N, C-alpha and C. Protein backbone atom coordinates (compact mmCIF):
# COMPACT_ATOMS: atom_id res chain seq x y z
N UNK A 1 0.65 -1.28 0.13
CA UNK A 1 -0.03 -0.04 -0.09
C UNK A 1 1.07 1.39 0.09
N UNK A 2 0.45 2.14 -0.48
CA UNK A 2 1.18 3.43 -0.74
C UNK A 2 2.70 3.26 -0.97
N UNK A 3 3.07 2.40 -1.74
CA UNK A 3 4.55 2.07 -2.16
C UNK A 3 5.48 1.87 -1.21
N UNK A 4 4.98 1.28 0.12
CA UNK A 4 5.81 1.03 1.04
C UNK A 4 6.14 -0.46 0.74
N UNK A 5 7.30 -1.09 1.26
CA UNK A 5 7.37 -2.37 1.31
C UNK A 5 6.61 -3.13 2.52
N UNK A 6 6.36 -4.42 1.99
CA UNK A 6 5.35 -5.20 2.71
C UNK A 6 5.63 -5.30 4.06
N UNK A 7 7.05 -5.25 4.49
CA UNK A 7 7.36 -5.49 5.93
C UNK A 7 6.81 -4.45 6.78
N UNK A 8 6.29 -3.17 6.24
CA UNK A 8 5.63 -2.14 6.90
C UNK A 8 4.15 -1.93 6.99
N UNK A 9 3.62 -3.02 6.41
CA UNK A 9 2.32 -2.86 6.26
C UNK A 9 1.53 -4.20 7.29
N UNK A 10 0.12 -4.01 7.45
CA UNK A 10 -0.52 -4.99 8.56
C UNK A 10 -0.04 -6.31 8.37
N UNK A 11 0.14 -6.93 7.19
CA UNK A 11 -0.24 -8.50 6.96
C UNK A 11 1.66 -8.57 7.13
N UNK A 12 2.67 -8.22 7.64
CA UNK A 12 3.62 -8.32 7.86
C UNK A 12 3.97 -9.13 9.14
N UNK A 13 5.08 -10.20 9.68
CA UNK A 13 5.48 -10.82 10.50
C UNK A 13 5.99 -10.04 11.66
N UNK A 14 5.80 -8.81 11.77
CA UNK A 14 6.29 -8.20 12.96
C UNK A 14 5.92 -8.51 14.26
N UNK A 15 6.54 -8.38 15.29
CA UNK A 15 5.95 -8.64 16.61
C UNK A 15 4.74 -7.71 17.06
N UNK A 16 4.80 -6.43 16.47
CA UNK A 16 4.04 -5.29 16.89
C UNK A 16 3.06 -5.04 16.09
N UNK A 17 2.06 -6.10 15.91
CA UNK A 17 1.03 -5.92 14.78
C UNK A 17 -0.09 -5.28 15.51
N UNK A 18 -0.87 -4.62 15.08
CA UNK A 18 -1.92 -3.98 15.61
C UNK A 18 -1.70 -2.48 16.18
N UNK A 19 -0.51 -2.28 15.73
CA UNK A 19 0.04 -0.57 16.05
C UNK A 19 0.00 0.29 14.84
N UNK A 20 -0.82 0.02 13.79
CA UNK A 20 -0.93 0.42 12.77
C UNK A 20 -2.07 1.03 12.21
N UNK A 21 -2.50 2.39 12.98
CA UNK A 21 -3.84 3.10 13.07
C UNK A 21 -4.07 3.46 11.70
N UNK A 22 -2.78 4.16 11.02
CA UNK A 22 -3.35 5.06 9.80
C UNK A 22 -3.07 3.98 8.53
N UNK A 23 -3.73 3.75 7.94
CA UNK A 23 -3.78 2.80 6.72
C UNK A 23 -2.38 1.58 6.97
N UNK A 24 -2.55 1.16 8.13
CA UNK A 24 -1.45 -0.07 8.13
C UNK A 24 -0.10 0.16 8.52
N UNK A 25 0.12 1.65 8.81
CA UNK A 25 1.65 2.09 9.00
C UNK A 25 1.57 2.39 10.60
N UNK A 26 2.73 2.23 11.09
CA UNK A 26 3.20 2.79 12.63
C UNK A 26 3.78 3.95 12.56
N UNK A 27 3.28 4.70 13.27
CA UNK A 27 3.99 6.13 13.64
C UNK A 27 5.22 5.97 14.67
N UNK A 28 6.22 6.67 14.62
CA UNK A 28 7.45 6.63 15.19
C UNK A 28 7.23 6.78 16.95
N UNK A 29 6.18 7.36 17.25
CA UNK A 29 5.87 7.55 18.73
C UNK A 29 5.30 6.08 19.21
N UNK A 30 4.68 5.77 18.32
CA UNK A 30 3.84 4.40 18.55
C UNK A 30 4.73 3.22 18.72
N UNK A 31 5.79 3.32 18.06
CA UNK A 31 6.74 2.11 18.11
C UNK A 31 7.70 2.40 19.37
N UNK A 32 8.02 3.49 19.69
CA UNK A 32 8.79 3.92 20.98
C UNK A 32 8.11 3.36 22.01
N UNK A 33 6.76 3.47 22.21
CA UNK A 33 6.13 3.40 23.30
C UNK A 33 5.66 2.22 23.67
N UNK A 34 5.60 1.34 22.72
CA UNK A 34 5.42 -0.17 22.89
C UNK A 34 6.72 -0.80 22.90
N UNK A 35 7.91 -0.41 22.42
CA UNK A 35 9.29 -0.96 22.87
C UNK A 35 9.81 -0.58 24.45
N UNK A 36 9.12 0.42 24.94
CA UNK A 36 9.48 0.64 26.26
C UNK A 36 8.62 -0.39 27.19
N UNK A 37 7.95 -1.05 27.08
CA UNK A 37 7.22 -2.08 27.77
C UNK A 37 8.29 -3.07 28.20
N UNK A 38 9.42 -3.43 27.51
CA UNK A 38 9.98 -4.32 27.87
C UNK A 38 10.80 -4.02 29.15
N UNK A 39 10.88 -4.87 30.25
CA UNK A 39 11.61 -4.56 31.57
C UNK A 39 13.15 -3.96 31.53
N UNK A 40 14.05 -4.59 30.55
CA UNK A 40 15.28 -3.96 30.62
C UNK A 40 15.05 -2.63 30.13
N UNK A 41 14.37 -2.41 29.05
CA UNK A 41 14.31 -0.87 28.53
C UNK A 41 13.68 0.09 29.72
N UNK A 42 12.66 -0.34 30.35
CA UNK A 42 12.05 0.47 31.29
C UNK A 42 12.90 0.71 32.52
N UNK A 43 14.02 -0.25 32.88
CA UNK A 43 14.84 0.10 33.86
C UNK A 43 15.57 1.17 33.39
N UNK A 44 16.38 1.02 31.98
CA UNK A 44 17.32 2.06 31.60
C UNK A 44 16.53 3.24 31.41
N UNK A 45 15.35 3.58 31.13
CA UNK A 45 14.68 4.91 30.92
C UNK A 45 14.59 5.48 32.28
N UNK A 46 14.23 4.53 33.29
CA UNK A 46 14.00 5.11 34.62
C UNK A 46 15.17 5.60 35.00
N UNK A 47 16.65 5.10 34.69
CA UNK A 47 17.78 5.44 35.17
C UNK A 47 18.19 6.90 34.55
N UNK A 48 18.14 6.93 33.41
CA UNK A 48 18.16 8.30 32.59
C UNK A 48 17.31 9.26 33.35
N UNK A 49 16.21 8.97 33.64
CA UNK A 49 15.13 9.94 34.24
C UNK A 49 15.66 10.27 35.39
N UNK A 50 16.16 9.49 36.10
CA UNK A 50 16.63 9.98 37.53
C UNK A 50 17.68 10.83 37.67
N UNK A 51 18.65 10.70 36.58
CA UNK A 51 19.81 11.55 36.64
C UNK A 51 19.86 12.79 36.28
N UNK A 52 20.55 13.69 37.01
CA UNK A 52 20.36 15.31 37.01
C UNK A 52 20.87 15.69 35.70
N UNK A 53 20.46 16.63 35.08
CA UNK A 53 20.93 17.02 33.62
C UNK A 53 22.08 18.08 33.81
N UNK A 54 22.62 18.35 35.18
CA UNK A 54 23.77 19.08 35.14
C UNK A 54 25.08 18.08 35.07
N UNK A 55 26.32 19.04 34.88
CA UNK A 55 27.27 18.62 34.69
C UNK A 55 28.11 18.88 35.99
N UNK A 56 29.29 17.91 36.08
CA UNK A 56 30.04 18.16 37.55
C UNK A 56 30.91 19.16 37.23
N UNK A 57 31.26 19.70 38.38
CA UNK A 57 32.45 20.81 38.18
C UNK A 57 33.53 20.41 37.70
N UNK A 58 34.26 19.05 37.71
CA UNK A 58 35.42 18.35 37.13
C UNK A 58 35.13 18.68 35.72
N UNK A 59 34.14 18.03 35.41
CA UNK A 59 33.58 18.08 34.06
C UNK A 59 33.67 19.09 33.05
N UNK A 60 33.24 20.41 33.80
CA UNK A 60 33.15 21.57 33.43
C UNK A 60 34.53 22.10 33.20
N UNK A 61 35.33 21.94 34.25
CA UNK A 61 36.91 22.23 34.34
C UNK A 61 37.43 21.60 32.96
N UNK A 62 37.51 20.37 32.96
CA UNK A 62 38.22 19.60 31.78
C UNK A 62 37.61 20.32 30.72
N UNK A 63 36.46 20.57 30.24
CA UNK A 63 35.95 21.01 29.33
C UNK A 63 36.47 22.38 28.76
N UNK A 64 36.67 23.25 29.98
CA UNK A 64 37.01 24.54 29.73
C UNK A 64 38.53 24.35 29.48
N UNK A 65 39.55 23.86 29.77
CA UNK A 65 40.68 23.31 29.66
C UNK A 65 41.16 22.86 28.33
N UNK A 66 40.22 22.11 28.01
CA UNK A 66 40.52 21.43 26.53
C UNK A 66 40.10 22.60 25.39
N UNK A 67 39.20 23.37 25.65
CA UNK A 67 38.77 24.59 24.79
C UNK A 67 40.12 25.58 24.83
N UNK A 68 40.48 26.05 26.00
CA UNK A 68 41.88 26.82 26.14
C UNK A 68 42.74 26.09 25.42
N UNK A 69 43.23 24.98 25.80
CA UNK A 69 44.38 24.44 25.04
C UNK A 69 44.41 24.22 23.44
N UNK A 70 43.03 24.10 22.85
CA UNK A 70 42.88 24.26 21.66
C UNK A 70 43.27 25.61 20.91
N UNK A 71 42.73 26.48 21.93
CA UNK A 71 43.01 27.66 21.22
C UNK A 71 44.57 28.30 21.15
N UNK A 72 44.99 27.79 22.18
CA UNK A 72 46.33 27.94 22.53
C UNK A 72 47.28 27.34 21.22
N UNK A 73 46.81 26.08 21.19
CA UNK A 73 47.61 25.28 19.89
C UNK A 73 47.47 26.02 18.79
N UNK A 74 46.35 26.48 18.46
CA UNK A 74 45.90 27.30 17.20
C UNK A 74 46.63 28.64 17.22
N UNK A 75 46.70 29.24 17.91
CA UNK A 75 47.78 30.41 18.39
C UNK A 75 49.10 30.06 18.19
N UNK A 76 49.64 29.10 18.67
CA UNK A 76 51.20 28.66 18.74
C UNK A 76 51.31 28.14 17.10
N UNK A 77 50.37 27.60 16.77
CA UNK A 77 50.62 27.18 14.93
C UNK A 77 50.74 28.34 14.17
N UNK A 78 50.13 29.60 14.50
CA UNK A 78 50.11 30.51 13.57
C UNK A 78 51.24 31.44 14.01
N UNK A 79 51.88 31.51 15.17
CA UNK A 79 52.95 32.27 15.56
C UNK A 79 54.14 31.53 14.76
N UNK A 80 53.96 30.10 14.68
CA UNK A 80 55.08 29.57 14.03
C UNK A 80 55.17 29.61 12.66
N UNK A 81 54.16 29.61 11.78
CA UNK A 81 54.07 29.73 10.78
C UNK A 81 54.29 31.38 10.09
N UNK A 82 53.83 32.33 11.22
CA UNK A 82 54.29 33.62 10.90
C UNK A 82 55.64 34.04 11.02
N UNK A 83 56.45 33.08 11.93
CA UNK A 83 57.91 33.44 12.06
C UNK A 83 58.70 32.79 10.96
N UNK A 84 58.04 31.55 10.41
CA UNK A 84 58.69 31.02 9.06
C UNK A 84 58.64 31.87 7.76
N UNK A 85 57.82 32.55 7.85
CA UNK A 85 57.30 33.35 6.70
C UNK A 85 58.21 34.64 6.63
N UNK A 86 58.35 35.42 7.96
CA UNK A 86 58.82 36.19 7.78
C UNK A 86 60.40 36.19 7.95
N UNK A 87 60.94 34.89 8.23
CA UNK A 87 62.57 34.60 8.37
C UNK A 87 62.89 34.46 6.97
N UNK A 88 62.36 33.98 6.00
CA UNK A 88 62.80 34.09 4.70
C UNK A 88 62.53 35.15 4.07
N UNK A 89 61.85 36.19 4.58
CA UNK A 89 61.55 37.64 3.76
C UNK A 89 62.61 38.33 4.13
N UNK A 90 63.30 38.59 5.26
CA UNK A 90 64.27 39.23 6.07
C UNK A 90 65.39 39.01 5.39
N UNK A 91 66.12 39.96 5.01
CA UNK A 91 67.56 39.78 4.57
C UNK A 91 68.56 39.36 5.76
N UNK A 92 69.54 37.98 5.21
CA UNK A 92 70.39 37.63 6.21
C UNK A 92 71.56 37.33 5.60
N UNK A 93 72.42 38.64 6.03
CA UNK A 93 73.93 38.60 5.26
C UNK A 93 74.55 37.25 5.51
N UNK A 94 74.75 36.97 6.57
CA UNK A 94 75.53 35.71 6.91
C UNK A 94 74.94 34.49 6.04
N UNK A 95 73.46 34.36 5.72
CA UNK A 95 72.98 33.21 5.22
C UNK A 95 73.39 33.43 3.50
N UNK A 96 73.50 34.48 3.09
CA UNK A 96 73.65 34.87 1.69
C UNK A 96 75.11 34.82 1.57
N UNK A 97 75.78 35.16 2.69
CA UNK A 97 77.50 34.92 2.37
C UNK A 97 77.83 33.32 2.17
N UNK A 98 77.10 32.74 2.72
CA UNK A 98 77.41 31.22 2.77
C UNK A 98 76.73 30.61 1.81
N UNK A 99 75.63 31.06 1.19
CA UNK A 99 74.95 30.64 -0.23
C UNK A 99 76.30 30.96 -1.26
N UNK A 100 76.80 32.40 -1.28
CA UNK A 100 77.61 32.72 -2.39
C UNK A 100 78.88 31.81 -2.10
N UNK A 101 79.35 31.61 -0.71
CA UNK A 101 80.63 30.68 -0.66
C UNK A 101 80.19 29.56 -1.20
N UNK A 102 79.35 28.89 -1.14
CA UNK A 102 78.87 27.64 -1.70
C UNK A 102 78.78 27.28 -3.13
N UNK A 103 77.91 28.52 -3.91
CA UNK A 103 78.17 28.86 -5.29
C UNK A 103 79.07 28.76 -6.04
N UNK A 104 80.59 29.41 -5.03
CA UNK A 104 81.80 29.22 -5.91
C UNK A 104 82.57 28.34 -5.44
N UNK A 105 82.06 27.40 -4.53
CA UNK A 105 82.65 26.18 -4.04
C UNK A 105 83.68 26.68 -3.31
N UNK A 106 83.67 27.46 -2.35
CA UNK A 106 84.91 27.47 -1.24
C UNK A 106 84.77 26.65 -0.39
N UNK A 107 85.75 25.94 0.28
CA UNK A 107 85.90 25.39 1.31
C UNK A 107 85.45 26.13 2.83
N UNK A 108 85.35 25.30 3.69
CA UNK A 108 84.75 26.09 4.75
C UNK A 108 85.85 26.93 5.42
N UNK A 109 87.18 26.54 5.47
CA UNK A 109 88.39 27.23 5.90
C UNK A 109 88.37 28.57 5.03
N UNK A 110 88.08 28.38 3.78
CA UNK A 110 88.30 29.59 2.62
C UNK A 110 87.03 30.53 3.18
N UNK A 111 85.77 29.81 3.42
CA UNK A 111 84.83 30.85 3.50
C UNK A 111 85.02 31.44 5.17
N UNK A 112 85.45 30.82 6.37
CA UNK A 112 85.75 31.27 7.33
C UNK A 112 86.77 32.31 7.07
N UNK A 113 87.97 32.37 6.29
CA UNK A 113 88.96 33.44 6.40
C UNK A 113 88.24 34.63 5.57
N UNK A 114 87.35 34.50 4.69
CA UNK A 114 86.91 35.55 3.70
C UNK A 114 86.05 36.15 4.59
N UNK A 115 85.12 35.42 5.65
CA UNK A 115 84.29 36.15 6.41
C UNK A 115 84.76 37.14 7.54
N UNK A 116 86.03 36.56 7.76
CA UNK A 116 86.98 37.39 8.81
C UNK A 116 87.62 38.38 8.23
N UNK A 117 87.99 38.36 7.13
CA UNK A 117 88.60 39.26 6.08
C UNK A 117 87.45 40.34 6.09
N UNK A 118 86.22 40.02 5.69
CA UNK A 118 85.12 41.23 5.52
C UNK A 118 84.56 41.76 6.66
N UNK A 119 84.84 41.15 7.95
CA UNK A 119 84.57 41.71 8.95
C UNK A 119 85.53 42.74 9.53
N UNK A 120 86.87 42.43 9.25
CA UNK A 120 88.05 43.13 9.69
C UNK A 120 88.19 44.54 8.47
N UNK A 121 87.49 44.67 7.37
CA UNK A 121 87.64 45.64 6.55
C UNK A 121 86.37 46.57 7.39
N UNK A 122 85.54 46.16 8.10
CA UNK A 122 84.49 47.01 8.75
C UNK A 122 83.10 47.05 7.69
N UNK A 123 83.22 46.29 6.88
CA UNK A 123 82.14 46.42 5.83
C UNK A 123 80.82 45.93 6.69
N UNK A 124 79.55 47.10 6.64
CA UNK A 124 78.52 46.23 7.27
C UNK A 124 77.78 45.36 6.48
N UNK A 125 77.88 45.04 5.24
CA UNK A 125 77.41 43.72 4.47
C UNK A 125 78.66 43.13 4.08
N UNK A 126 79.01 41.96 4.61
CA UNK A 126 80.20 41.15 4.03
C UNK A 126 80.10 40.60 2.80
N UNK A 127 78.94 40.66 2.23
CA UNK A 127 78.71 40.39 1.14
C UNK A 127 79.40 40.82 -0.38
N UNK A 128 79.55 42.37 0.38
CA UNK A 128 80.39 43.17 -0.81
C UNK A 128 81.50 42.35 -1.33
N UNK A 129 82.47 41.61 -0.45
CA UNK A 129 83.67 40.94 -0.84
C UNK A 129 83.15 40.34 -2.35
N UNK A 130 81.85 39.88 -2.65
CA UNK A 130 81.69 39.08 -3.62
C UNK A 130 81.48 39.73 -5.06
N UNK A 131 81.16 41.26 -4.80
CA UNK A 131 80.73 42.13 -5.91
C UNK A 131 81.75 43.41 -6.27
N UNK A 132 82.90 43.42 -4.93
CA UNK A 132 83.68 44.36 -5.20
C UNK A 132 85.12 44.21 -5.27
N UNK A 133 85.81 43.94 -6.40
CA UNK A 133 87.10 43.33 -6.29
C UNK A 133 88.11 44.36 -5.41
N UNK A 134 87.89 45.72 -5.35
CA UNK A 134 88.49 46.68 -4.52
C UNK A 134 88.69 46.31 -3.24
N UNK A 135 87.87 45.44 -2.52
CA UNK A 135 88.07 45.10 -1.16
C UNK A 135 89.28 44.10 -0.85
N UNK A 136 89.58 43.40 -1.91
CA UNK A 136 90.93 42.66 -1.73
C UNK A 136 92.25 43.66 -1.75
N UNK A 137 92.13 44.90 -2.29
CA UNK A 137 93.09 45.83 -2.65
C UNK A 137 93.59 46.50 -1.14
N UNK A 138 92.68 46.41 -0.09
CA UNK A 138 92.78 47.20 0.86
C UNK A 138 94.08 47.23 1.65
N UNK A 139 94.65 47.87 2.02
CA UNK A 139 95.91 47.85 2.62
C UNK A 139 95.59 48.16 4.36
N UNK A 140 94.30 48.17 4.60
CA UNK A 140 94.05 48.55 5.89
C UNK A 140 94.09 47.14 7.11
N UNK A 141 94.02 46.06 6.29
CA UNK A 141 94.10 44.91 7.10
C UNK A 141 95.69 43.98 6.99
N UNK A 142 96.04 43.97 8.11
CA UNK A 142 97.15 43.07 7.99
C UNK A 142 96.82 41.69 8.16
N UNK A 143 97.74 40.78 7.40
CA UNK A 143 97.25 39.41 7.22
C UNK A 143 98.88 38.70 7.37
N UNK A 144 98.69 37.41 7.72
CA UNK A 144 99.87 36.57 7.80
C UNK A 144 100.14 36.27 6.33
N UNK A 145 101.45 36.13 5.93
CA UNK A 145 101.55 35.44 4.52
C UNK A 145 100.79 34.29 4.15
N UNK A 146 100.52 33.37 4.90
CA UNK A 146 99.63 32.19 4.57
C UNK A 146 98.18 32.58 4.06
N UNK A 147 97.66 33.58 4.96
CA UNK A 147 96.18 34.15 5.10
C UNK A 147 96.28 34.95 3.71
N UNK A 148 97.09 35.90 3.56
CA UNK A 148 97.05 36.57 2.10
C UNK A 148 97.20 35.88 0.92
N UNK A 149 97.93 34.57 1.00
CA UNK A 149 97.96 33.76 -0.16
C UNK A 149 96.72 33.11 -0.42
N UNK A 150 96.08 32.89 0.39
CA UNK A 150 94.69 32.23 0.59
C UNK A 150 93.39 33.21 -0.03
N UNK A 151 93.78 34.25 0.41
CA UNK A 151 92.84 35.32 0.18
C UNK A 151 92.90 35.75 -1.68
N UNK A 152 94.38 35.74 -1.87
CA UNK A 152 94.63 35.81 -3.46
C UNK A 152 93.86 34.63 -4.32
N UNK A 153 94.01 33.67 -3.88
CA UNK A 153 93.29 32.45 -4.11
C UNK A 153 91.81 32.53 -4.31
N UNK A 154 91.01 33.00 -3.47
CA UNK A 154 89.79 33.58 -3.22
C UNK A 154 89.42 34.38 -3.88
N UNK A 155 90.13 35.27 -3.91
CA UNK A 155 89.71 36.58 -5.20
C UNK A 155 89.69 35.89 -6.70
N UNK A 156 90.74 35.08 -6.96
CA UNK A 156 91.01 34.34 -8.08
C UNK A 156 89.56 33.57 -8.65
N UNK A 157 89.13 32.86 -7.38
CA UNK A 157 88.24 31.99 -7.94
C UNK A 157 86.83 33.00 -7.93
N UNK A 158 86.55 34.09 -7.26
CA UNK A 158 85.42 34.80 -7.11
C UNK A 158 85.45 35.63 -8.44
N UNK A 159 86.52 35.88 -8.85
CA UNK A 159 86.44 37.18 -9.98
C UNK A 159 87.47 36.64 -11.14
N UNK A 160 87.32 35.33 -11.41
CA UNK A 160 88.01 34.75 -12.39
C UNK A 160 87.39 35.31 -14.12
N UNK A 161 86.20 35.33 -13.94
CA UNK A 161 85.41 36.01 -15.19
C UNK A 161 85.68 37.15 -15.54
N UNK A 162 86.04 37.94 -14.55
CA UNK A 162 86.39 39.22 -14.59
C UNK A 162 87.51 39.49 -15.43
N UNK A 163 88.50 38.86 -14.93
CA UNK A 163 89.97 38.85 -15.29
C UNK A 163 90.09 38.37 -16.50
N UNK A 164 89.37 37.50 -17.07
CA UNK A 164 89.39 37.04 -18.27
C UNK A 164 88.52 38.04 -19.61
N UNK A 165 87.83 38.92 -19.00
CA UNK A 165 87.21 39.55 -19.84
C UNK A 165 87.70 40.78 -20.14
N UNK A 166 87.75 41.43 -21.45
CA UNK A 166 88.55 42.66 -21.83
C UNK A 166 87.61 43.70 -21.38
N UNK A 167 88.57 44.78 -20.55
CA UNK A 167 88.25 45.65 -19.90
C UNK A 167 87.06 46.73 -20.92
N UNK A 168 86.55 47.54 -20.33
CA UNK A 168 85.30 48.16 -20.88
C UNK A 168 85.70 49.39 -20.86
N UNK A 169 86.79 50.14 -20.03
CA UNK A 169 87.40 51.23 -20.15
C UNK A 169 88.29 51.55 -21.08
N UNK A 170 89.03 50.83 -21.77
CA UNK A 170 90.03 50.86 -22.73
C UNK A 170 89.07 50.94 -24.20
N UNK A 171 87.94 50.40 -24.14
CA UNK A 171 87.37 50.84 -25.70
C UNK A 171 87.01 51.92 -25.55
N UNK A 172 86.70 52.71 -24.63
CA UNK A 172 86.14 54.13 -24.89
C UNK A 172 86.88 55.24 -25.26
C-alpha cells in the first residue's frame, strides 16, 4: 500500500502488529512507546530520568581546559607559521654570504677566512667582497703570509670571469 515495502504493512510478521492505525503504518511514537514496555528498557529509561541534567564541576573544568588548550595550540601554530614566513623575507647577510661561498665552491676554511676578512674591513654587509674586487686591495688589513696567499686564491676564484674579460674602460 502506498508504495511501502510489505514489511511495513499490516500483513507482515512483525511482533508489533496492531500498532498501525493509519492505513497499516506505525507512527514513530507508537513504536517507541511499545518498545519501552520491555523490562530492561524500562529500567534504562528510569535510570536516565533519575539522573540530573547538570554536569559536575570537574567535567566543566576539563571541558574549559580543553577549549583553552585548543585555542592556545591554534595560536602557537599561527606564530610558528608567521615566523617562518618572515624568516625567509628578512635579509640575512650571513646566510647569503654562505650561499655565495657554496656557489663559488669555497671550502669551509676559505669561507671562514673570507668572512673574517670582510669583518676586519668593517663592511656593514660582508657580501660586498663578492661584488667589489677593490675590497681585496685594501691596505688596512694586516694578514699573515699564509692568509694573504689564501685570499689571493679566493679572489681568483670569485673574480675569475672578470679577469678573463676585456676591460670596457679601454674601449671608450
